[in-house]
Amino acid sequence: MADTVKTNVMRILDRAGVPYGVHTYSPETGIDGVSVARALHQDPQAVFKTLVTQGKSRAFYVFVIPVAATLNLKLAASACGEKAVEMIPQKQLLPNTGYVHGGCSPIGMKKAYPTFIDETAQLFDTICVSAGRIGAQAELSPDDLCRLTGAQYAPLTD
């Protein structure tokens, strides 16, 4: 899409030499992940949302899971070695990540937080994640996403 305005995520992918595709959608279709997957004619199991949590230690953790799934907080805590994790309040998202709700990407956050990708991502050649703004998704290999973000695969959903 030549008319797509490059996001910081796309510039990071370009600099890293990571092959990716861009999918755009109208934010009026809804910003929840299942609506986005439908708008993009993508399998909801291959479209992933980015969730930010905080552990008992007060450290932040990023979890990337299929849009139709729910993060299992016990599995998430186990993955990152915390006693417990909880979702951060929406108002803390922008100051801590640089992203707004509905446009949060695991790529290019203000800080490199420990990141975990649901193990089901490995079932697909490519997955979609937010391209850093509402209305844009980046499609890339889950292994490239892992390498780029320093993520680990883990069981994160029921």
C-alpha atoms as a PDB file:
ATOM      1  CA  MET A   1       0.000   0.000   0.000  1.00  0.00           C
ATOM      2  CA  ALA A   2       1.961   2.944  -1.270  1.00  0.00           C
ATOM      3  CA  ASP A   3      -0.398   5.461   0.321  1.00  0.00           C
ATOM      4  CA  THR A   4       0.012   4.017   3.825  1.00  0.00           C
ATOM      5  CA  VAL A   5       1.768   6.430   6.145  1.00  0.00           C
ATOM      6  CA  LYS A   6       4.737   4.673   7.728  1.00  0.00           C
ATOM      7  CA  THR A   7       4.428   4.128  11.464  1.00  0.00           C
ATOM      8  CA  ASN A   8       7.357   3.816  13.836  1.00  0.00           C
ATOM      9  CA  VAL A   9       6.722   0.044  13.834  1.00  0.00           C
ATOM     10  CA  MET A  10       7.119  -0.065  10.041  1.00  0.00           C
ATOM     11  CA  ARG A  11      10.318   1.997  10.207  1.00  0.00           C
ATOM     12  CA  ILE A  12      11.738  -0.385  12.848  1.00  0.00           C
ATOM     13  CA  LEU A  13      10.855  -3.394  10.671  1.00  0.00           C
ATOM     14  CA  ASP A  14      12.436  -1.700   7.623  1.00  0.00           C
ATOM     15  CA  ARG A  15      15.644  -0.905   9.545  1.00  0.00           C
ATOM     16  CA  ALA A  16      15.841  -4.490  10.830  1.00  0.00           C
ATOM     17  CA  GLY A  17      15.321  -5.865   7.316  1.00  0.00           C
ATOM     18  CA  VAL A  18      12.282  -7.850   8.473  1.00  0.00           C
ATOM     19  CA  PRO A  19       9.838  -8.703   5.678  1.00  0.00           C
ATOM     20  CA  TYR A  20       6.283  -7.662   6.536  1.00  0.00           C
ATOM     21  CA  GLY A  21       2.971  -6.746   5.020  1.00  0.00           C
ATOM     22  CA  VAL A  22       0.629  -3.938   6.011  1.00  0.00           C
ATOM     23  CA  HIS A  23      -3.121  -4.256   6.349  1.00  0.00           C
ATOM     24  CA  THR A  24      -5.292  -1.217   6.956  1.00  0.00           C
ATOM     25  CA  TYR A  25      -8.878  -0.997   8.153  1.00  0.00           C
ATOM     26  CA  SER A  26     -11.335   1.693   9.105  1.00  0.00           C
ATOM     27  CA  PRO A  27     -11.385   2.333  12.869  1.00  0.00           C
ATOM     28  CA  GLU A  28     -15.173   2.675  12.507  1.00  0.00           C
ATOM     29  CA  THR A  29     -15.341  -1.118  12.095  1.00  0.00           C
ATOM     30  CA  GLY A  30     -14.359  -1.390  15.767  1.00  0.00           C
ATOM     31  CA  ILE A  31     -10.981  -1.644  17.407  1.00  0.00           C
ATOM     32  CA  ASP A  32     -11.546  -4.910  19.231  1.00  0.00           C
ATOM     33  CA  GLY A  33      -9.378  -7.627  17.781  1.00  0.00           C
ATOM     34  CA  VAL A  34     -12.112  -9.866  16.421  1.00  0.00           C
ATOM     35  CA  SER A  35     -13.642  -6.925  14.506  1.00  0.00           C
ATOM     36  CA  VAL A  36     -10.190  -6.069  13.159  1.00  0.00           C
ATOM     37  CA  ALA A  37      -9.584  -9.681  12.060  1.00  0.00           C
ATOM     38  CA  ARG A  38     -12.968  -9.716  10.300  1.00  0.00           C
ATOM     39  CA  ALA A  39     -12.288  -6.374   8.595  1.00  0.00           C
ATOM     40  CA  LEU A  40      -8.950  -7.735   7.337  1.00  0.00           C
ATOM     41  CA  HIS A  41     -10.458 -11.083   6.275  1.00  0.00           C
ATOM     42  CA  GLN A  42      -7.894 -12.793   8.521  1.00  0.00           C
ATOM     43  CA  ASP A  43      -8.197 -15.853  10.761  1.00  0.00           C
ATOM     44  CA  PRO A  44      -8.727 -14.472  14.323  1.00  0.00           C
ATOM     45  CA  GLN A  45      -6.315 -17.158  15.556  1.00  0.00           C
ATOM     46  CA  ALA A  46      -3.546 -15.509  13.466  1.00  0.00           C
ATOM     47  CA  VAL A  47      -4.308 -11.929  14.556  1.00  0.00           C
ATOM     48  CA  PHE A  48      -2.694 -11.093  17.871  1.00  0.00           C
ATOM     49  CA  LYS A  49      -3.346  -8.392  20.453  1.00  0.00           C
ATOM     50  CA  THR A  50      -0.742  -6.831  22.713  1.00  0.00           C
ATOM     51  CA  LEU A  51      -1.491  -6.694  26.438  1.00  0.00           C
ATOM     52  CA  VAL A  52       0.602  -4.919  29.063  1.00  0.00           C
ATOM     53  CA  THR A  53       0.667  -6.112  32.651  1.00  0.00           C
ATOM     54  CA  GLN A  54       2.448  -5.279  35.856  1.00  0.00           C
ATOM     55  CA  GLY A  55       3.806  -7.886  38.237  1.00  0.00           C
ATOM     56  CA  LYS A  56       3.915  -7.875  42.027  1.00  0.00           C
ATOM     57  CA  SER A  57       7.517  -6.654  41.640  1.00  0.00           C
ATOM     58  CA  ARG A  58       6.029  -3.562  39.844  1.00  0.00           C
ATOM     59  CA  ALA A  59       7.864  -4.584  36.625  1.00  0.00           C
ATOM     60  CA  PHE A  60       5.960  -4.371  33.341  1.00  0.00           C
ATOM     61  CA  TYR A  61       5.463  -7.350  31.011  1.00  0.00           C
ATOM     62  CA  VAL A  62       4.060  -7.577  27.494  1.00  0.00           C
ATOM     63  CA  PHE A  63       1.917 -10.496  26.344  1.00  0.00           C
ATOM     64  CA  VAL A  64       0.934 -11.105  22.715  1.00  0.00           C
ATOM     65  CA  ILE A  65      -2.072 -13.420  22.352  1.00  0.00           C
ATOM     66  CA  PRO A  66      -4.728 -14.274  19.733  1.00  0.00           C
ATOM     67  CA  VAL A  67      -7.426 -11.581  19.583  1.00  0.00           C
ATOM     68  CA  ALA A  68     -10.281 -13.955  20.467  1.00  0.00           C
ATOM     69  CA  ALA A  69      -8.412 -15.397  23.469  1.00  0.00           C
ATOM     70  CA  THR A  70      -8.183 -14.241  27.062  1.00  0.00           C
ATOM     71  CA  LEU A  71      -4.856 -13.938  28.862  1.00  0.00           C
ATOM     72  CA  ASN A  72      -4.611 -16.522  31.643  1.00  0.00           C
ATOM     73  CA  LEU A  73      -3.025 -14.434  34.407  1.00  0.00           C
ATOM     74  CA  LYS A  74      -1.653 -17.504  36.228  1.00  0.00           C
ATOM     75  CA  LEU A  75       0.080 -18.751  33.063  1.00  0.00           C
ATOM     76  CA  ALA A  76       1.330 -15.219  32.349  1.00  0.00           C
ATOM     77  CA  ALA A  77       2.771 -14.881  35.859  1.00  0.00           C
ATOM     78  CA  SER A  78       4.433 -18.272  35.522  1.00  0.00           C
ATOM     79  CA  ALA A  79       5.943 -17.300  32.154  1.00  0.00           C
ATOM     80  CA  CYS A  80       7.590 -14.184  33.562  1.00  0.00           C
ATOM     81  CA  GLY A  81       8.499 -15.617  36.970  1.00  0.00           C
ATOM     82  CA  GLU A  82       6.158 -13.399  39.005  1.00  0.00           C
ATOM     83  CA  LYS A  83       3.814 -14.470  41.810  1.00  0.00           C
ATOM     84  CA  ALA A  84       1.016 -12.588  40.025  1.00  0.00           C
ATOM     85  CA  VAL A  85       0.468 -10.101  37.196  1.00  0.00           C
ATOM     86  CA  GLU A  86      -2.450  -7.802  36.484  1.00  0.00           C
ATOM     87  CA  MET A  87      -3.468  -5.696  33.508  1.00  0.00           C
ATOM     88  CA  ILE A  88      -2.329  -2.087  33.784  1.00  0.00           C
ATOM     89  CA  PRO A  89      -5.073   0.561  33.808  1.00  0.00           C
ATOM     90  CA  GLN A  90      -5.765   1.901  30.312  1.00  0.00           C
ATOM     91  CA  LYS A  91      -4.633   5.410  31.345  1.00  0.00           C
ATOM     92  CA  GLN A  92      -1.143   4.004  32.058  1.00  0.00           C
ATOM     93  CA  LEU A  93      -0.763   2.516  28.580  1.00  0.00           C
ATOM     94  CA  LEU A  94       0.308   5.639  26.649  1.00  0.00           C
ATOM     95  CA  PRO A  95       2.804   6.977  29.243  1.00  0.00           C
ATOM     96  CA  ASN A  96       4.474   3.557  29.640  1.00  0.00           C
ATOM     97  CA  THR A  97       4.422   2.243  26.070  1.00  0.00           C
ATOM     98  CA  GLY A  98       3.932   5.242  23.784  1.00  0.00           C
ATOM     99  CA  TYR A  99       0.837   3.555  22.344  1.00  0.00           C
ATOM    100  CA  VAL A 100      -2.905   4.077  22.725  1.00  0.00           C
ATOM    101  CA  HIS A 101      -5.491   1.380  23.437  1.00  0.00           C
ATOM    102  CA  GLY A 102      -6.309  -0.339  20.138  1.00  0.00           C
ATOM    103  CA  GLY A 103      -2.968   0.635  18.582  1.00  0.00           C
ATOM    104  CA  CYS A 104      -0.507  -0.987  20.995  1.00  0.00           C
ATOM    105  CA  SER A 105       2.247  -2.950  19.267  1.00  0.00           C
ATOM    106  CA  PRO A 106       4.880  -5.191  20.865  1.00  0.00           C
ATOM    107  CA  ILE A 107       7.363  -3.495  18.511  1.00  0.00           C
ATOM    108  CA  GLY A 108       8.809  -0.078  19.353  1.00  0.00           C
ATOM    109  CA  MET A 109       7.547   0.524  22.884  1.00  0.00           C
ATOM    110  CA  LYS A 110       9.179   3.320  24.897  1.00  0.00           C
ATOM    111  CA  LYS A 111      11.153   0.655  26.789  1.00  0.00           C
ATOM    112  CA  ALA A 112      12.038  -2.932  25.948  1.00  0.00           C
ATOM    113  CA  TYR A 113       9.809  -4.803  28.389  1.00  0.00           C
ATOM    114  CA  PRO A 114      10.038  -8.589  28.788  1.00  0.00           C
ATOM    115  CA  THR A 115       7.730  -9.909  26.065  1.00  0.00           C
ATOM    116  CA  PHE A 116       5.964 -13.254  25.733  1.00  0.00           C
ATOM    117  CA  ILE A 117       4.104 -14.523  22.678  1.00  0.00           C
ATOM    118  CA  ASP A 118       1.445 -17.208  22.961  1.00  0.00           C
ATOM    119  CA  GLU A 119       2.870 -20.497  21.749  1.00  0.00           C
ATOM    120  CA  THR A 120       0.016 -20.846  19.209  1.00  0.00           C
ATOM    121  CA  ALA A 121       1.734 -18.172  17.077  1.00  0.00           C
ATOM    122  CA  GLN A 122       4.159 -20.903  15.992  1.00  0.00           C
ATOM    123  CA  LEU A 123       1.309 -22.652  14.141  1.00  0.00           C
ATOM    124  CA  PHE A 124       1.274 -19.886  11.509  1.00  0.00           C
ATOM    125  CA  ASP A 125       3.766 -18.773   8.865  1.00  0.00           C
ATOM    126  CA  THR A 126       2.748 -15.177   9.581  1.00  0.00           C
ATOM    127  CA  ILE A 127       0.694 -13.389  12.216  1.00  0.00           C
ATOM    128  CA  CYS A 128      -0.728  -9.876  12.416  1.00  0.00           C
ATOM    129  CA  VAL A 129       0.013  -7.432  15.230  1.00  0.00           C
ATOM    130  CA  SER A 130      -0.729  -3.745  15.541  1.00  0.00           C
ATOM    131  CA  ALA A 131       1.469  -1.586  13.338  1.00  0.00           C
ATOM    132  CA  GLY A 132       1.464   1.071  16.064  1.00  0.00           C
ATOM    133  CA  ARG A 133      -1.734   2.953  15.333  1.00  0.00           C
ATOM    134  CA  ILE A 134      -5.429   2.223  15.163  1.00  0.00           C
ATOM    135  CA  GLY A 135      -6.266   1.232  11.597  1.00  0.00           C
ATOM    136  CA  ALA A 136      -2.990  -0.522  10.708  1.00  0.00           C
ATOM    137  CA  GLN A 137      -1.700  -4.050  11.243  1.00  0.00           C
ATOM    138  CA  ALA A 138       1.705  -5.511  10.393  1.00  0.00           C
ATOM    139  CA  GLU A 139       1.871  -9.109   9.160  1.00  0.00           C
ATOM    140  CA  LEU A 140       5.156 -10.863   9.837  1.00  0.00           C
ATOM    141  CA  SER A 141       6.689 -14.171  10.812  1.00  0.00           C
ATOM    142  CA  PRO A 142       6.205 -14.970  14.509  1.00  0.00           C
ATOM    143  CA  ASP A 143       9.885 -15.948  14.719  1.00  0.00           C
ATOM    144  CA  ASP A 144      10.893 -12.530  13.313  1.00  0.00           C
ATOM    145  CA  LEU A 145       8.628 -10.890  15.920  1.00  0.00           C
ATOM    146  CA  CYS A 146      10.297 -12.966  18.638  1.00  0.00           C
ATOM    147  CA  ARG A 147      13.783 -12.018  17.497  1.00  0.00           C
ATOM    148  CA  LEU A 148      12.941  -8.337  17.073  1.00  0.00           C
ATOM    149  CA  THR A 149      11.325  -7.969  20.505  1.00  0.00           C
ATOM    150  CA  GLY A 150      13.500 -10.448  22.389  1.00  0.00           C
ATOM    151  CA  ALA A 151      10.317 -12.377  23.165  1.00  0.00           C
ATOM    152  CA  GLN A 152       9.833 -15.947  24.270  1.00  0.00           C
ATOM    153  CA  TYR A 153       7.022 -18.301  23.334  1.00  0.00           C
ATOM    154  CA  ALA A 154       4.898 -19.490  26.243  1.00  0.00           C
ATOM    155  CA  PRO A 155       1.462 -20.990  26.929  1.00  0.00           C
ATOM    156  CA  LEU A 156      -0.588 -17.907  27.842  1.00  0.00           C
ATOM    157  CA  THR A 157      -4.239 -18.727  27.142  1.00  0.00           C
ATOM    158  CA  ASP A 158      -6.694 -21.436  28.176  1.00  0.00           C
END
